[in-house]
Protein backbone atom coordinates (compact mmCIF):
# COMPACT_ATOMS: atom_id res chain seq x y z
CA MET A 1 -20.29 -34.98 -28.35
CA ASN A 2 -19.96 -31.28 -29.23
CA THR A 3 -21.65 -28.45 -27.32
CA GLU A 4 -24.46 -28.06 -29.87
CA ALA A 5 -25.28 -31.77 -29.69
CA ARG A 6 -25.32 -31.68 -25.88
CA GLN A 7 -27.82 -28.82 -26.00
CA THR A 8 -30.11 -30.65 -28.44
CA ALA A 9 -32.77 -33.03 -27.17
CA ILE A 10 -34.12 -34.17 -30.55
CA HIS A 11 -32.65 -33.82 -34.02
CA VAL A 12 -34.45 -35.13 -37.11
CA ALA A 13 -33.25 -34.99 -40.72
CA GLY A 14 -35.18 -36.21 -43.76
CA LEU A 15 -37.58 -38.39 -41.77
CA ARG A 16 -39.99 -40.32 -44.00
CA LYS A 17 -42.86 -42.71 -43.34
CA ALA A 18 -45.57 -44.17 -45.57
CA PHE A 19 -48.40 -46.60 -44.95
CA GLY A 20 -49.02 -48.36 -48.22
CA GLU A 21 -49.32 -45.69 -50.90
CA LYS A 22 -50.08 -42.91 -48.42
CA THR A 23 -47.04 -40.82 -47.47
CA VAL A 24 -47.50 -39.58 -43.91
CA LEU A 25 -44.11 -37.96 -43.30
CA ASP A 26 -42.26 -36.64 -46.32
CA GLY A 27 -38.74 -35.58 -45.39
CA ILE A 28 -39.15 -33.90 -42.00
CA ASP A 29 -36.29 -31.81 -40.57
CA LEU A 30 -36.46 -30.38 -37.06
CA THR A 31 -34.36 -29.67 -33.98
CA VAL A 32 -35.61 -29.40 -30.41
CA PRO A 33 -33.31 -27.74 -27.82
CA ARG A 34 -33.09 -29.26 -24.35
CA GLY A 35 -35.32 -27.87 -21.62
CA THR A 36 -37.91 -26.39 -23.98
CA VAL A 37 -41.43 -27.10 -25.18
CA PHE A 38 -41.70 -27.91 -28.88
CA SER A 39 -45.23 -28.11 -30.22
CA LEU A 40 -46.25 -29.90 -33.41
CA LEU A 41 -49.54 -28.69 -34.89
CA GLY A 42 -51.50 -30.08 -37.79
CA PRO A 43 -54.95 -31.21 -38.89
CA ASN A 44 -56.23 -34.73 -38.25
CA GLY A 45 -54.23 -37.24 -40.27
CA SER A 46 -51.32 -34.86 -40.80
CA GLY A 47 -48.80 -37.23 -39.19
CA LYS A 48 -48.42 -35.81 -35.68
CA THR A 49 -49.03 -39.09 -33.87
CA THR A 50 -46.91 -40.98 -36.41
CA MET A 51 -44.04 -38.62 -35.63
CA VAL A 52 -44.38 -39.29 -31.91
CA ARG A 53 -44.59 -43.05 -32.46
CA ILE A 54 -41.40 -43.01 -34.51
CA LEU A 55 -39.42 -40.81 -32.13
CA SER A 56 -40.54 -42.90 -29.14
CA THR A 57 -39.39 -46.13 -30.91
CA LEU A 58 -42.90 -47.59 -31.27
CA ILE A 59 -42.60 -47.83 -35.06
CA ARG A 60 -39.70 -47.50 -37.48
CA ALA A 61 -39.23 -44.76 -40.03
CA ASP A 62 -38.83 -45.64 -43.70
CA GLY A 63 -35.97 -43.23 -44.15
CA GLY A 64 -34.04 -40.32 -42.69
CA GLU A 65 -32.11 -39.96 -39.46
CA ALA A 66 -33.03 -39.05 -35.90
CA ARG A 67 -31.21 -38.63 -32.62
CA VAL A 68 -33.16 -38.51 -29.37
CA ALA A 69 -31.35 -37.66 -26.12
CA GLY A 70 -28.09 -38.04 -28.02
CA ARG A 71 -28.94 -41.61 -29.07
CA ASP A 72 -29.32 -42.75 -32.64
CA LEU A 73 -32.93 -43.81 -33.04
CA ALA A 74 -32.21 -46.67 -35.44
CA ARG A 75 -29.01 -48.01 -33.85
CA ASP A 76 -29.78 -47.55 -30.16
CA PRO A 77 -33.55 -47.71 -29.57
CA ASP A 78 -33.02 -49.14 -26.07
CA GLY A 79 -30.92 -46.11 -25.15
CA VAL A 80 -33.67 -43.83 -26.44
CA ARG A 81 -36.33 -45.68 -24.41
CA LYS A 82 -34.33 -45.22 -21.21
CA ALA A 83 -34.25 -41.46 -21.71
CA ILE A 84 -37.86 -40.75 -22.67
CA GLY A 85 -41.41 -40.92 -21.37
CA VAL A 86 -44.59 -41.04 -23.43
CA THR A 87 -48.11 -39.91 -22.58
CA GLY A 88 -50.55 -40.73 -25.37
CA GLN A 89 -53.89 -39.30 -26.37
CA TYR A 90 -55.71 -41.76 -24.14
CA SER A 91 -54.90 -42.47 -20.52
CA ALA A 92 -52.88 -45.66 -20.06
CA VAL A 93 -53.76 -46.16 -16.40
CA ASP A 94 -55.49 -49.30 -15.09
CA GLY A 95 -58.94 -48.41 -13.82
CA LEU A 96 -59.15 -51.50 -11.59
CA LEU A 97 -56.08 -50.50 -9.57
CA THR A 98 -55.71 -47.60 -7.18
CA GLY A 99 -53.62 -44.59 -8.11
CA ARG A 100 -50.81 -45.72 -5.84
CA GLU A 101 -50.93 -49.26 -7.22
CA ASN A 102 -50.63 -47.93 -10.76
CA LEU A 103 -47.52 -45.98 -9.82
CA ILE A 104 -45.97 -48.88 -7.95
CA LEU A 105 -46.63 -51.16 -10.92
CA MET A 106 -44.79 -48.72 -13.17
CA ALA A 107 -41.94 -48.50 -10.66
CA ASP A 108 -41.67 -52.30 -10.70
CA LEU A 109 -41.53 -52.27 -14.51
CA HIS A 110 -38.60 -49.84 -14.22
CA HIS A 111 -36.90 -52.19 -11.71
CA LEU A 112 -36.61 -49.46 -9.08
CA GLY A 113 -36.74 -51.88 -6.18
CA LYS A 114 -39.51 -52.19 -3.62
CA ALA A 115 -38.52 -49.38 -1.24
CA ALA A 116 -37.35 -46.95 -3.93
CA GLY A 117 -40.46 -47.62 -6.02
CA ARG A 118 -42.80 -46.84 -3.14
CA ARG A 119 -40.92 -43.67 -2.29
CA ALA A 120 -41.15 -42.56 -5.90
CA ALA A 121 -44.86 -43.36 -6.02
CA ASP A 122 -45.60 -41.45 -2.82
CA GLY A 123 -43.55 -38.47 -3.99
CA LEU A 124 -45.42 -38.28 -7.28
CA LEU A 125 -48.80 -38.63 -5.61
CA GLU A 126 -47.94 -35.59 -3.52
CA ARG A 127 -46.48 -33.65 -6.44
CA PHE A 128 -49.61 -34.17 -8.55
CA ASP A 129 -52.08 -33.53 -5.72
CA LEU A 130 -53.36 -37.10 -5.68
CA VAL A 131 -52.64 -38.06 -2.07
CA GLU A 132 -56.29 -38.08 -1.00
CA ALA A 133 -57.21 -40.26 -3.99
CA ALA A 134 -54.15 -42.51 -3.77
CA ASN A 135 -56.03 -45.53 -2.41
CA LYS A 136 -59.14 -45.14 -4.55
CA THR A 137 -59.55 -47.12 -7.75
CA VAL A 138 -58.77 -45.09 -10.84
CA ALA A 139 -62.20 -45.92 -12.25
CA THR A 140 -63.55 -43.34 -9.78
CA TYR A 141 -61.15 -40.58 -10.94
CA SER A 142 -62.20 -37.58 -13.01
CA GLY A 143 -60.63 -37.04 -16.42
CA GLY A 144 -58.24 -34.48 -15.03
CA MET A 145 -57.14 -36.77 -12.20
CA ARG A 146 -56.56 -39.64 -14.64
CA ARG A 147 -54.43 -37.39 -16.82
CA ARG A 148 -52.36 -36.22 -13.83
CA LEU A 149 -51.82 -39.83 -12.81
CA ASP A 150 -50.89 -40.74 -16.38
CA ILE A 151 -48.21 -38.04 -16.48
CA ALA A 152 -47.00 -39.06 -13.01
CA MET A 153 -46.55 -42.63 -14.26
CA THR A 154 -44.52 -41.29 -17.18
CA LEU A 155 -42.14 -39.64 -14.68
CA ILE A 156 -41.40 -42.79 -12.69
CA GLY A 157 -38.32 -43.56 -14.78
CA GLY A 158 -36.96 -40.00 -14.54
CA PRO A 159 -37.12 -39.20 -18.29
CA ARG A 160 -35.41 -36.08 -19.58
CA ILE A 161 -37.61 -35.97 -22.70
CA ILE A 162 -41.38 -36.46 -22.59
CA PHE A 163 -43.67 -36.89 -25.57
CA LEU A 164 -47.15 -35.57 -24.85
CA ASP A 165 -49.49 -36.60 -27.65
CA GLU A 166 -52.62 -34.45 -27.36
CA PRO A 167 -52.50 -34.69 -23.55
CA THR A 168 -55.56 -32.53 -22.79
CA THR A 169 -58.01 -34.04 -25.27
CA GLY A 170 -61.42 -34.32 -23.58
CA LEU A 171 -60.45 -32.36 -20.47
CA ASP A 172 -62.48 -29.47 -19.12
CA PRO A 173 -60.84 -26.00 -19.15
CA ARG A 174 -59.80 -26.18 -15.47
CA SER A 175 -58.14 -29.58 -15.88
CA ARG A 176 -56.46 -28.40 -19.07
CA ARG A 177 -54.92 -25.44 -17.27
CA THR A 178 -53.78 -27.70 -14.44
CA THR A 179 -52.01 -29.86 -17.03
CA TRP A 180 -50.38 -26.74 -18.46
CA GLU A 181 -48.97 -25.89 -15.04
CA ILE A 182 -47.60 -29.42 -14.75
CA VAL A 183 -45.86 -29.02 -18.11
CA ARG A 184 -44.38 -25.66 -17.09
CA GLY A 185 -43.09 -27.23 -13.88
CA LEU A 186 -41.42 -30.06 -15.78
CA VAL A 187 -39.66 -27.60 -18.07
CA ARG A 188 -38.44 -25.59 -15.07
CA ASP A 189 -36.86 -28.83 -13.88
CA GLY A 190 -35.00 -29.14 -17.19
CA VAL A 191 -37.26 -31.66 -18.92
CA THR A 192 -37.83 -31.32 -22.67
CA ILE A 193 -41.44 -31.57 -23.84
CA PHE A 194 -42.46 -32.62 -27.36
CA LEU A 195 -46.12 -31.68 -27.53
CA THR A 196 -48.71 -32.45 -30.17
CA THR A 197 -52.04 -30.73 -29.78
CA GLN A 198 -55.11 -29.56 -31.65
CA TYR A 199 -55.72 -26.81 -29.10
CA LEU A 200 -53.99 -23.81 -30.62
CA GLU A 201 -54.25 -21.85 -27.37
CA GLU A 202 -52.33 -24.68 -25.72
CA ALA A 203 -49.42 -24.32 -28.13
CA ASP A 204 -49.55 -20.54 -27.78
CA GLN A 205 -49.41 -20.79 -23.98
CA LEU A 206 -46.73 -23.48 -23.66
CA ALA A 207 -44.47 -23.77 -26.67
CA ASP A 208 -41.09 -22.12 -27.12
CA ARG A 209 -41.24 -23.12 -30.78
CA ILE A 210 -44.08 -24.38 -32.94
CA ALA A 211 -44.02 -26.36 -36.18
CA VAL A 212 -47.03 -26.80 -38.47
CA LEU A 213 -47.34 -30.15 -40.22
CA ASP A 214 -49.56 -30.55 -43.26
CA GLY A 215 -49.57 -33.08 -46.07
CA GLY A 216 -46.56 -34.86 -44.60
CA ARG A 217 -44.38 -31.73 -44.65
CA LEU A 218 -43.48 -28.98 -42.21
CA VAL A 219 -45.04 -25.90 -43.77
CA ALA A 220 -43.80 -23.44 -41.13
CA GLU A 221 -41.74 -23.34 -37.95
CA GLY A 222 -40.95 -20.60 -35.46
CA THR A 223 -42.02 -18.95 -32.26
CA SER A 224 -45.69 -18.15 -31.81
CA GLY A 225 -44.99 -14.52 -32.65
CA GLU A 226 -43.01 -15.38 -35.78
CA LEU A 227 -45.79 -17.61 -37.09
CA LYS A 228 -48.44 -14.97 -36.45
CA ARG A 229 -46.45 -12.46 -38.49
CA LEU A 230 -46.66 -14.79 -41.51
CA VAL A 231 -50.37 -14.10 -41.84
CA PRO A 232 -51.69 -10.82 -43.28
CA GLY A 233 -53.92 -8.69 -41.07
CA GLY A 234 -51.47 -7.49 -38.43
CA HIS A 235 -51.48 -3.82 -37.57
CA VAL A 236 -50.15 -1.24 -35.15
CA ARG A 237 -52.67 0.92 -33.31
CA LEU A 238 -51.47 4.42 -32.48
CA ARG A 239 -53.32 6.72 -30.10
CA PHE A 240 -52.65 10.47 -29.96
CA HIS A 241 -53.22 13.18 -27.38
CA ASP A 242 -55.35 15.38 -29.62
CA LEU A 243 -56.93 15.67 -33.04
CA ALA A 244 -54.04 17.76 -34.35
CA GLY A 245 -51.60 14.95 -33.61
CA LEU A 246 -53.92 12.43 -35.25
CA ASP A 247 -54.21 14.58 -38.39
CA ALA A 248 -50.45 15.09 -38.58
CA ALA A 249 -49.72 11.39 -38.20
CA ALA A 250 -52.31 10.46 -40.82
CA ARG A 251 -50.62 12.83 -43.30
CA VAL A 252 -47.10 11.57 -42.52
CA LEU A 253 -48.03 7.91 -42.72
CA GLY A 254 -50.63 8.18 -45.48
CA VAL A 255 -53.11 6.21 -43.38
CA THR A 256 -56.87 6.51 -43.81
CA ALA A 257 -57.95 3.91 -41.24
CA ARG A 258 -58.63 6.27 -38.36
CA ASP A 259 -60.98 6.66 -35.42
CA ASP A 260 -61.43 10.36 -34.64
CA ASP A 261 -63.43 9.70 -31.47
CA ALA A 262 -60.71 7.49 -29.99
CA LEU A 263 -57.90 9.58 -31.59
CA CYS A 264 -56.43 6.41 -33.07
CA LEU A 265 -54.79 5.33 -36.32
CA GLN A 266 -54.55 1.74 -37.53
CA VAL A 267 -51.31 1.19 -39.47
CA PRO A 268 -50.78 -2.12 -41.34
CA GLY A 269 -47.63 -3.90 -40.18
CA ASP A 270 -46.18 -7.08 -38.75
CA GLY A 271 -45.29 -5.55 -35.38
CA GLY A 272 -41.63 -6.49 -35.71
CA VAL A 273 -38.94 -4.44 -34.01
CA ARG A 274 -37.51 -3.14 -37.28
CA SER A 275 -40.85 -2.01 -38.69
CA LEU A 276 -41.86 -0.39 -35.38
CA ARG A 277 -38.58 1.50 -35.21
CA ALA A 278 -39.08 2.76 -38.77
CA LEU A 279 -42.69 3.77 -38.04
CA LEU A 280 -41.82 5.71 -34.89
CA GLY A 281 -38.82 7.27 -36.64
CA ARG A 282 -41.05 8.76 -39.32
CA LEU A 283 -43.31 10.27 -36.68
CA GLU A 284 -40.39 11.59 -34.65
CA ASP A 285 -38.87 13.23 -37.73
CA ALA A 286 -42.21 15.01 -38.24
CA ALA A 287 -42.34 16.02 -34.56
CA VAL A 288 -45.53 14.01 -33.99
CA GLU A 289 -45.86 12.63 -30.46
CA VAL A 290 -47.57 9.26 -29.94
CA GLY A 291 -49.59 8.79 -26.77
CA GLU A 292 -50.00 5.01 -26.84
CA LEU A 293 -48.95 2.16 -29.10
CA SER A 294 -50.23 -1.40 -29.30
CA VAL A 295 -49.44 -4.22 -31.72
CA HIS A 296 -52.22 -6.47 -33.00
CA THR A 297 -51.32 -9.70 -34.79
CA PRO A 298 -53.38 -12.62 -36.08
CA ASP A 299 -53.80 -15.46 -33.61
CA LEU A 300 -52.73 -19.07 -34.12
CA ASP A 301 -56.20 -19.96 -35.39
CA ASP A 302 -55.56 -17.61 -38.32
CA VAL A 303 -52.10 -19.10 -38.84
CA PHE A 304 -53.43 -22.66 -38.75
CA LEU A 305 -56.17 -21.96 -41.27
CA ALA A 306 -53.79 -20.12 -43.60
CA LEU A 307 -51.09 -22.79 -43.51
CA THR A 308 -53.18 -25.95 -43.68
CA GLY A 309 -56.16 -27.24 -45.59
CA GLU A 310 -57.08 -28.36 -49.06
CA ASN A 311 -56.89 -25.03 -50.91
CA GLU A 312 -53.21 -24.88 -51.78
CA ASN A 313 -53.58 -21.51 -53.52
CA GLU A 314 -54.61 -19.82 -50.29
CA LYS A 315 -51.80 -21.16 -48.13
CA VAL A 316 -49.15 -18.90 -46.68
CA THR A 317 -45.63 -20.28 -46.71
CA SER A 318 -42.70 -19.22 -44.58
CA ALA A 319 -39.63 -17.65 -46.09
């Protein structure tokens, strides 16, 4: 295995899946580096869960190739299963068992052995702040506690890749943020996270790279910042020390969007390094000093609405 392959957790090429006459995945290509968070966004029915089910060996693709944890998905599904963990949209814990019993049951399914399984269960209960609730039935747990237990059960087998399919659906804001901290901790430990979510803030907070799925195709992929720069509306806000500086900058840049009271100009731009360097260079050549600079870009809500939906004429596509 070459260096690039060793550094890749998931590689997909031309992945296709249809249910009857409905094409759900139409030639998907993507690569997820190890030890990162990759987030897949898309509207309901866009194929996010289907993608997770295929990559976690729950269903077979109709075409294309995929390697997960260095294992060929079609030829070595057992090898893939040994390397991954899956947490679905809905908690898979048993409400009639206690938290500790759920973890021990999962340890038994992984054939850890009695002593090792109990040590693993106790360690995860402590790690996920569930020690006090360990001997209570899960039916008494809050939604956030159930989700923490669900993720803890996923970790019993020591997976290096975890699929989180809309993991914070239905959670309150505090529980959602607790789940985010758990995800960040897993990544610090070297685990790769493949995250699907409908909470755009969640992707913005967690993901190293984001892909947008719509109509069975990836319509854009990049960092959060790169995706935001695809959507018109970004601008640079310049603040000056006095009205003379504001007037001079407005003349140099040919900008009319100004706020004389705040001594600010609003200059359209994507906020990229190259465009900022060019903007500041023009002002420096004219001996105009800038007091403050801030970059304002569209948020992921704007990106999502521009890239997905039924009105194809209004969509923005990546280069």
